[in-house]
Amino acid sequence: MKAGQKHIKIIGGGLVGVEIAYILARNGFVVHIFDKEQPSMCEIEKNIPFLTEMQEELLTWNSPSYLTAKRLGVSLENIKHDFVEMMKEKLKSFSNVSFIEAEIDEINLDELTLVSTGNNTTTPLIDNLTKYIGENKIAFFHPEPMLLENIDTNHLHHEHEDFYHVNLSEEEYNAVCEYLKRHRAFYNNDSLVNEISVEKRAECNSLRTFLRPIYSENSKSHASIRLKKQGDDFILLDFYSALSDGEQTELIKHISAFENAMIKRFSKLYKRTYLRSTMCLNEYMQVKNHPNLFFAGSFLGIGGVYENLLVANYVAYNLMNASLGRNLEEYPKNSITKLICEKLLQKSALNNMLLSLDYDIIKKSDCLNFKTDEILKFREKYHGKFLEKGCRS
């Protein structure tokens, strides 16, 4: 599987890995996808800046995922795990695509390889990648809040918009504290997780600073839990736990407002790892000094489905270039894809956070001069032969 043999290895079978594999397969390349079971995908924010512009650009790229979602009436703003599984099943019908259910712990630099493992990359692979990217990565724990349904609304106190709170009596608060102290599940010696987990706060007798009481004319409380309404369900704010699912189910029964509630999504604490892309990648999303190693997806530090798909299409074409021994080409001029890549590689504080098309990172004025025909020129000039089949079907 060396460069020039039209074989490309993809590590990670999430949305980005599948997107790139689909483009490569439709253009005659042999693709080996190393995949493992992925956790269900979470919903993302529905209010996305520059959504129309990104959709138009994905259409110009002939993005397989975007075109499939558009045909099926599926919203990528609210992408589900089932959509990725459906795309995988479509890929399995290609004779030049093979799925291998295995984790890759070591990179072989003789193979043309794309890493699209997302931010759940395994520790052994990250350790191996350190040989090629150095210590240019950022790791932190990402909390996912608990989501409840069937809450007794008689116990809810409205604050503003979709925000509410539930009051806890001193007896309820003490019962919660005692339960958390008996079922400690925080990560050993990890200060970041210990800071945000309710069980660690209970052990330190400081849980009430997290569940600080909210007073009003009509209610008095010893402590309060804040919630945000999502449809008919409620997200528990600032209530993050590493307890098991069964223990979390038992825990909420100590609170009268949640006595008959059901946990629709359990709280989790995920370790996320991202590249410090500006330090170890060039403009082609290729590792500096290691031309057979490319990256795409949220492992780059890009947040947002649309942003990731745009970069994925650009990387896919340069993977084809690399496989055929051609020179790589920079992102198309006057495109959102170019803007994302440039911001990603910009040496600034932005590289220490997730990059997405947000108003504090990219201004509306930055998007005024985008021309999708620049992408067509890019594709026609360097990959004209690949346009015959396209990716529209």
Protein backbone atom coordinates (compact mmCIF):
# COMPACT_ATOMS: atom_id res chain seq x y z
CA MET A 1 0.00 0.00 0.00
CA LYS A 2 2.66 2.51 -1.08
CA ALA A 3 2.12 5.85 -2.79
CA GLY A 4 1.54 5.39 -6.52
CA GLN A 5 -0.39 2.14 -6.10
CA LYS A 6 -3.81 3.83 -5.80
CA HIS A 7 -4.28 2.17 -2.39
CA ILE A 8 -5.30 4.48 0.45
CA LYS A 9 -5.68 3.53 4.11
CA ILE A 10 -8.25 5.35 6.25
CA ILE A 11 -8.17 5.06 10.04
CA GLY A 12 -11.58 5.97 11.41
CA GLY A 13 -15.00 5.25 9.94
CA GLY A 14 -16.98 8.24 11.16
CA LEU A 15 -18.72 10.75 8.92
CA VAL A 16 -15.48 12.32 7.63
CA GLY A 17 -13.76 8.98 7.01
CA VAL A 18 -16.80 7.70 5.12
CA GLU A 19 -17.08 10.94 3.11
CA ILE A 20 -13.48 10.73 1.93
CA ALA A 21 -13.69 6.97 1.30
CA TYR A 22 -16.77 7.49 -0.87
CA ILE A 23 -15.01 10.13 -3.01
CA LEU A 24 -11.93 7.95 -3.43
CA ALA A 25 -13.93 4.80 -4.23
CA ARG A 26 -16.07 6.52 -6.87
CA ASN A 27 -12.85 7.61 -8.55
CA GLY A 28 -11.35 4.14 -8.75
CA PHE A 29 -9.04 4.05 -5.74
CA VAL A 30 -8.73 1.02 -3.50
CA VAL A 31 -9.71 2.04 0.03
CA HIS A 32 -9.10 0.14 3.26
CA ILE A 33 -11.10 1.55 6.20
CA PHE A 34 -10.03 0.54 9.69
CA ASP A 35 -13.01 1.09 11.89
CA LYS A 36 -14.20 0.29 15.38
CA GLU A 37 -17.57 0.61 17.06
CA GLN A 38 -18.33 4.28 17.59
CA PRO A 39 -20.55 5.80 20.30
CA SER A 40 -23.80 7.34 19.15
CA MET A 41 -23.32 10.78 17.68
CA CYS A 42 -24.63 13.74 19.62
CA GLU A 43 -26.82 16.44 18.23
CA ILE A 44 -25.10 19.68 17.27
CA GLU A 45 -26.34 23.24 17.42
CA LYS A 46 -28.98 24.01 14.82
CA ASN A 47 -28.16 27.72 14.53
CA ILE A 48 -25.13 27.65 12.23
CA PRO A 49 -23.62 30.86 10.87
CA PHE A 50 -23.09 30.99 7.10
CA LEU A 51 -25.13 27.82 6.65
CA THR A 52 -26.39 28.72 3.16
CA GLU A 53 -22.88 29.52 1.95
CA MET A 54 -21.48 26.23 3.27
CA GLN A 55 -24.32 24.22 1.76
CA GLU A 56 -23.72 25.83 -1.62
CA GLU A 57 -20.01 25.06 -1.41
CA LEU A 58 -20.63 21.42 -0.44
CA LEU A 59 -22.93 21.14 -3.44
CA THR A 60 -20.12 22.46 -5.64
CA TRP A 61 -17.73 19.89 -4.19
CA ASN A 62 -20.30 17.14 -4.96
CA SER A 63 -20.08 16.11 -1.29
CA PRO A 64 -21.48 12.54 -1.07
CA SER A 65 -22.83 13.01 2.46
CA TYR A 66 -24.47 16.35 1.72
CA LEU A 67 -26.04 15.15 -1.54
CA THR A 68 -27.31 11.97 0.11
CA ALA A 69 -28.76 13.88 3.05
CA LYS A 70 -30.37 16.40 0.67
CA ARG A 71 -31.95 13.62 -1.39
CA LEU A 72 -33.30 11.86 1.73
CA GLY A 73 -34.45 15.05 3.41
CA VAL A 74 -32.06 14.49 6.32
CA SER A 75 -30.71 17.51 8.17
CA LEU A 76 -26.94 17.50 8.64
CA GLU A 77 -27.40 20.17 11.29
CA ASN A 78 -28.82 17.40 13.46
CA ILE A 79 -26.82 14.44 12.21
CA LYS A 80 -27.49 11.03 13.70
CA HIS A 81 -25.42 7.88 14.06
CA ASP A 82 -27.88 6.03 11.81
CA PHE A 83 -27.01 8.28 8.86
CA VAL A 84 -23.32 7.35 9.08
CA GLU A 85 -24.22 3.67 9.31
CA MET A 86 -26.35 4.02 6.18
CA MET A 87 -23.42 5.63 4.32
CA LYS A 88 -21.18 2.78 5.45
CA GLU A 89 -23.61 0.23 4.04
CA LYS A 90 -23.55 2.04 0.70
CA LEU A 91 -19.75 1.98 0.74
CA LYS A 92 -19.69 -1.76 1.36
CA SER A 93 -21.26 -2.30 -2.04
CA PHE A 94 -18.08 -1.03 -3.72
CA SER A 95 -15.70 -3.81 -4.73
CA ASN A 96 -12.70 -1.51 -4.16
CA VAL A 97 -13.62 -0.73 -0.53
CA SER A 98 -12.91 -2.98 2.42
CA PHE A 99 -13.89 -2.44 6.06
CA ILE A 100 -11.62 -3.93 8.71
CA GLU A 101 -13.04 -3.94 12.24
CA ALA A 102 -9.83 -3.28 14.10
CA GLU A 103 -8.03 -0.57 16.00
CA ILE A 104 -4.76 0.72 14.57
CA ASP A 105 -2.11 1.41 17.20
CA GLU A 106 0.82 2.16 14.90
CA ILE A 107 1.26 4.17 11.72
CA ASN A 108 3.20 2.67 8.81
CA LEU A 109 4.81 5.57 6.95
CA ASP A 110 5.23 3.42 3.83
CA GLU A 111 1.44 3.46 3.44
CA LEU A 112 -0.58 6.43 2.24
CA THR A 113 -2.71 6.99 5.34
CA LEU A 114 -5.50 9.29 6.40
CA VAL A 115 -6.25 9.63 10.12
CA SER A 116 -9.89 10.61 10.67
CA THR A 117 -10.46 9.10 14.09
CA GLY A 118 -12.14 12.17 15.52
CA ASN A 119 -11.49 13.30 19.06
CA ASN A 120 -11.99 9.82 20.54
CA THR A 121 -8.63 8.62 19.19
CA THR A 122 -7.24 5.73 21.22
CA THR A 123 -4.32 6.37 23.58
CA PRO A 124 -1.97 3.84 21.86
CA LEU A 125 -2.49 5.53 18.47
CA ILE A 126 -1.99 8.98 19.96
CA ASP A 127 1.23 7.80 21.60
CA ASN A 128 2.43 6.43 18.28
CA LEU A 129 1.48 9.61 16.42
CA THR A 130 3.63 11.56 18.86
CA LYS A 131 6.67 10.18 17.01
CA TYR A 132 5.60 12.13 13.92
CA ILE A 133 3.79 15.18 15.28
CA GLY A 134 5.68 15.66 18.54
CA GLU A 135 3.74 16.88 21.55
CA ASN A 136 1.54 19.05 19.36
CA LYS A 137 -1.79 17.93 20.74
CA ILE A 138 -4.35 19.20 23.19
CA ALA A 139 -6.21 16.84 25.53
CA PHE A 140 -9.10 17.62 27.86
CA PHE A 141 -12.23 16.02 29.23
CA HIS A 142 -15.51 16.96 27.62
CA PRO A 143 -18.62 16.61 29.79
CA GLU A 144 -21.93 15.52 28.33
CA PRO A 145 -24.90 16.52 30.50
CA MET A 146 -27.75 14.32 31.63
CA LEU A 147 -31.02 14.55 29.66
CA LEU A 148 -34.30 13.78 31.48
CA GLU A 149 -37.84 13.18 30.29
CA ASN A 150 -41.12 13.03 32.21
CA ILE A 151 -40.14 15.59 34.86
CA ASP A 152 -42.87 16.69 37.25
CA THR A 153 -43.39 20.24 36.00
CA ASN A 154 -45.04 21.26 39.30
CA HIS A 155 -41.51 21.39 40.74
CA LEU A 156 -40.11 23.58 37.96
CA HIS A 157 -39.39 27.28 38.41
CA HIS A 158 -39.09 29.29 35.21
CA GLU A 159 -36.17 31.71 34.88
CA HIS A 160 -36.13 33.03 31.30
CA GLU A 161 -36.54 31.65 27.79
CA ASP A 162 -35.88 27.85 28.00
CA PHE A 163 -34.11 27.95 31.38
CA TYR A 164 -35.62 26.57 34.58
CA HIS A 165 -34.50 25.35 37.98
CA VAL A 166 -35.55 22.74 40.51
CA ASN A 167 -35.16 23.45 44.22
CA LEU A 168 -33.74 20.88 46.64
CA SER A 169 -34.61 20.82 50.31
CA GLU A 170 -31.79 20.37 52.81
CA GLU A 171 -32.87 16.76 53.27
CA GLU A 172 -32.76 16.06 49.52
CA TYR A 173 -29.41 17.81 49.15
CA ASN A 174 -27.88 15.77 52.01
CA ALA A 175 -29.24 12.53 50.53
CA VAL A 176 -27.64 13.35 47.17
CA CYS A 177 -24.33 14.20 48.86
CA GLU A 178 -24.25 10.98 50.87
CA TYR A 179 -25.02 8.89 47.81
CA LEU A 180 -22.24 10.57 45.79
CA LYS A 181 -19.73 10.05 48.60
CA ARG A 182 -20.56 6.32 48.71
CA HIS A 183 -20.27 5.93 44.94
CA ARG A 184 -17.16 7.85 43.99
CA ALA A 185 -16.36 7.47 40.30
CA PHE A 186 -14.07 10.39 39.46
CA TYR A 187 -10.89 9.83 37.49
CA ASN A 188 -7.76 9.26 39.56
CA ASN A 189 -5.64 12.36 40.01
CA ASP A 190 -7.13 14.12 37.01
CA SER A 191 -7.69 17.62 38.30
CA LEU A 192 -9.81 18.75 35.34
CA VAL A 193 -12.36 15.96 35.72
CA ASN A 194 -12.31 16.22 39.48
CA GLU A 195 -13.17 19.89 39.19
CA ILE A 196 -16.33 19.30 37.19
CA SER A 197 -17.69 15.99 38.54
CA VAL A 198 -20.45 16.20 41.14
CA GLU A 199 -19.05 13.19 43.03
CA LYS A 200 -15.73 14.93 43.61
CA ARG A 201 -17.53 18.08 44.73
CA ALA A 202 -19.54 16.01 47.21
CA GLU A 203 -16.39 14.41 48.59
CA CYS A 204 -14.88 17.88 49.10
CA ASN A 205 -18.11 19.12 50.71
CA SER A 206 -18.43 21.81 48.05
CA LEU A 207 -21.30 20.44 45.97
CA ARG A 208 -23.53 23.31 47.07
CA THR A 209 -21.25 25.76 45.21
CA PHE A 210 -22.24 23.88 42.03
CA LEU A 211 -25.88 23.58 43.04
CA ARG A 212 -26.08 27.05 44.52
CA PRO A 213 -29.55 27.99 45.74
CA ILE A 214 -31.70 30.24 43.58
CA TYR A 215 -34.04 32.44 45.58
CA SER A 216 -37.25 34.07 44.44
CA GLU A 217 -40.32 35.57 46.03
CA ASN A 218 -42.25 32.32 45.70
CA SER A 219 -39.56 29.77 46.47
CA LYS A 220 -36.88 29.06 49.02
CA SER A 221 -34.28 26.37 48.59
CA HIS A 222 -31.22 24.86 50.21
CA ALA A 223 -29.77 24.12 46.76
CA SER A 224 -30.94 24.28 43.14
CA ILE A 225 -30.36 22.39 39.91
CA ARG A 226 -30.61 24.43 36.73
CA LEU A 227 -32.17 22.93 33.59
CA LYS A 228 -32.62 23.87 29.96
CA LYS A 229 -35.72 22.77 28.07
CA GLN A 230 -35.07 20.82 24.85
CA GLY A 231 -38.35 19.90 23.22
CA ASP A 232 -40.28 18.00 25.88
CA ASP A 233 -37.07 17.04 27.71
CA PHE A 234 -34.67 18.84 30.04
CA ILE A 235 -30.88 19.05 30.16
CA LEU A 236 -29.33 19.19 33.63
CA LEU A 237 -26.84 22.06 33.58
CA ASP A 238 -23.53 21.84 35.52
CA PHE A 239 -24.42 18.36 36.75
CA TYR A 240 -21.68 16.14 35.28
CA SER A 241 -20.96 12.67 36.59
CA ALA A 242 -18.76 9.65 35.85
CA LEU A 243 -21.09 7.29 37.74
CA SER A 244 -22.43 4.22 35.96
CA ASP A 245 -25.82 4.39 34.25
CA GLY A 246 -27.42 2.37 37.05
CA GLU A 247 -25.93 4.62 39.74
CA GLN A 248 -27.14 7.75 37.96
CA THR A 249 -30.63 6.24 37.80
CA GLU A 250 -30.55 5.65 41.56
CA LEU A 251 -29.09 9.09 42.23
CA ILE A 252 -31.93 11.13 40.71
CA LYS A 253 -34.52 9.21 42.73
CA HIS A 254 -33.31 11.15 45.79
CA ILE A 255 -34.82 14.30 44.25
CA SER A 256 -38.60 14.51 44.43
CA ALA A 257 -38.93 16.44 41.16
CA PHE A 258 -37.18 13.57 39.37
CA GLU A 259 -38.88 10.71 41.19
CA ASN A 260 -40.81 9.59 38.09
CA ALA A 261 -38.39 10.97 35.52
CA MET A 262 -36.50 8.81 33.06
CA ILE A 263 -32.92 9.42 31.99
CA LYS A 264 -32.93 9.78 28.22
CA ARG A 265 -29.16 10.36 28.06
CA PHE A 266 -26.72 9.64 30.86
CA SER A 267 -24.01 12.07 31.83
CA LYS A 268 -20.57 11.12 30.51
CA LEU A 269 -17.05 12.52 30.75
CA TYR A 270 -15.22 11.94 27.50
CA LYS A 271 -11.53 12.52 26.94
CA ARG A 272 -11.03 14.60 23.80
CA THR A 273 -7.73 14.99 21.98
CA TYR A 274 -7.02 17.47 19.22
CA LEU A 275 -3.98 18.32 17.14
CA ARG A 276 -2.26 21.63 17.51
CA SER A 277 -2.57 21.72 13.75
CA THR A 278 -0.58 24.88 13.11
CA MET A 279 2.52 23.26 14.59
CA CYS A 280 2.52 19.92 12.80
CA LEU A 281 0.51 20.20 9.55
CA ASN A 282 1.04 22.02 6.28
CA GLU A 283 -1.61 23.63 4.06
CA TYR A 284 -2.57 20.24 2.60
CA MET A 285 -3.52 18.80 6.04
CA GLN A 286 -0.41 16.66 5.61
CA VAL A 287 2.08 16.06 8.42
CA LYS A 288 5.21 18.12 7.94
CA ASN A 289 8.15 15.93 6.83
CA HIS A 290 5.89 12.85 6.52
CA PRO A 291 4.19 13.08 3.10
CA ASN A 292 2.23 9.83 3.40
CA LEU A 293 0.34 10.92 6.51
CA PHE A 294 -2.77 13.14 6.27
CA PHE A 295 -5.41 14.24 8.77
CA ALA A 296 -9.08 15.20 8.47
CA GLY A 297 -12.06 15.54 10.77
CA SER A 298 -12.50 16.85 14.29
CA PHE A 299 -9.08 15.50 15.34
CA LEU A 300 -7.76 18.56 13.47
CA GLY A 301 -9.59 20.78 15.91
CA ILE A 302 -12.46 21.65 13.58
CA GLY A 303 -15.90 21.87 15.09
CA GLY A 304 -19.10 21.49 13.07
CA VAL A 305 -20.34 18.95 10.52
CA TYR A 306 -20.36 21.32 7.54
CA GLU A 307 -16.89 22.68 8.26
CA ASN A 308 -15.50 19.16 8.57
CA LEU A 309 -17.12 17.99 5.32
CA LEU A 310 -15.71 20.95 3.41
CA VAL A 311 -12.16 20.19 4.55
CA ALA A 312 -12.74 16.46 3.95
CA ASN A 313 -13.49 17.05 0.27
CA TYR A 314 -10.34 19.14 -0.14
CA VAL A 315 -8.22 16.47 1.60
CA ALA A 316 -9.78 13.70 -0.52
CA TYR A 317 -8.58 15.31 -3.75
CA ASN A 318 -5.05 15.75 -2.42
CA LEU A 319 -5.03 12.12 -1.31
CA MET A 320 -5.75 11.23 -4.93
CA ASN A 321 -2.90 13.49 -6.00
CA ALA A 322 -0.52 11.87 -3.52
CA SER A 323 -1.54 8.37 -4.57
CA LEU A 324 -0.79 9.18 -8.22
CA GLY A 325 2.51 10.87 -7.40
CA ARG A 326 1.25 14.30 -8.45
CA ASN A 327 2.04 17.62 -6.79
CA LEU A 328 -0.42 18.61 -4.08
CA GLU A 329 -2.49 21.73 -4.58
CA GLU A 330 -3.57 24.39 -2.10
CA TYR A 331 -7.23 24.97 -1.31
CA PRO A 332 -9.33 26.72 -3.96
CA LYS A 333 -9.17 30.51 -3.86
CA ASN A 334 -12.12 32.53 -2.59
CA SER A 335 -13.73 29.53 -0.86
CA ILE A 336 -15.00 28.84 2.62
CA THR A 337 -12.81 25.72 2.54
CA LYS A 338 -9.75 27.95 2.16
CA LEU A 339 -10.89 30.22 4.97
CA ILE A 340 -11.37 27.29 7.38
CA CYS A 341 -7.97 25.79 6.56
CA GLU A 342 -6.20 29.13 6.90
CA LYS A 343 -7.83 29.84 10.24
CA LEU A 344 -6.96 26.33 11.40
CA LEU A 345 -3.27 26.86 10.59
CA GLN A 346 -3.15 30.42 11.85
CA LYS A 347 -0.68 30.84 14.71
CA SER A 348 -2.91 32.37 17.33
CA ALA A 349 -4.93 31.57 20.40
CA LEU A 350 -7.63 30.12 18.14
CA ASN A 351 -5.54 26.98 17.83
CA ASN A 352 -6.22 26.17 21.47
CA MET A 353 -9.95 25.83 20.97
CA LEU A 354 -12.36 24.09 18.66
CA LEU A 355 -12.57 25.91 15.38
CA SER A 356 -15.98 26.45 13.85
CA LEU A 357 -17.53 29.14 11.71
CA ASP A 358 -18.57 31.30 14.62
CA TYR A 359 -19.05 35.03 14.73
CA ASP A 360 -16.11 35.62 17.06
CA ILE A 361 -13.71 33.78 14.71
CA ILE A 362 -14.88 34.53 11.18
CA LYS A 363 -16.76 37.69 10.34
CA LYS A 364 -19.69 37.88 7.97
CA SER A 365 -17.64 40.19 5.77
CA ASP A 366 -15.11 37.37 5.28
CA CYS A 367 -17.75 35.40 3.38
CA LEU A 368 -18.87 38.10 0.94
CA ASN A 369 -16.40 37.37 -1.85
CA PHE A 370 -16.64 33.58 -1.93
CA LYS A 371 -16.97 32.11 -5.41
CA THR A 372 -17.91 28.47 -5.83
CA ASP A 373 -16.56 28.46 -9.38
CA GLU A 374 -13.07 28.52 -7.84
CA ILE A 375 -13.73 24.98 -6.60
CA LEU A 376 -14.78 23.92 -10.10
CA LYS A 377 -11.56 25.35 -11.48
CA PHE A 378 -9.59 23.52 -8.80
CA ARG A 379 -11.23 20.21 -9.64
CA GLU A 380 -11.06 20.60 -13.40
CA LYS A 381 -7.43 21.67 -13.46
CA TYR A 382 -6.02 18.97 -11.24
CA HIS A 383 -8.62 16.20 -11.24
CA GLY A 384 -10.54 16.59 -14.47
CA LYS A 385 -10.57 12.85 -15.12
CA PHE A 386 -12.26 12.25 -11.76
CA LEU A 387 -15.32 14.30 -12.71
CA GLU A 388 -16.66 11.82 -15.27
CA LYS A 389 -18.46 9.67 -12.70
CA GLY A 390 -18.89 12.33 -10.05
CA CYS A 391 -20.51 11.67 -6.70
CA ARG A 392 -24.08 12.72 -7.36
CA SER A 393 -25.74 9.33 -7.49
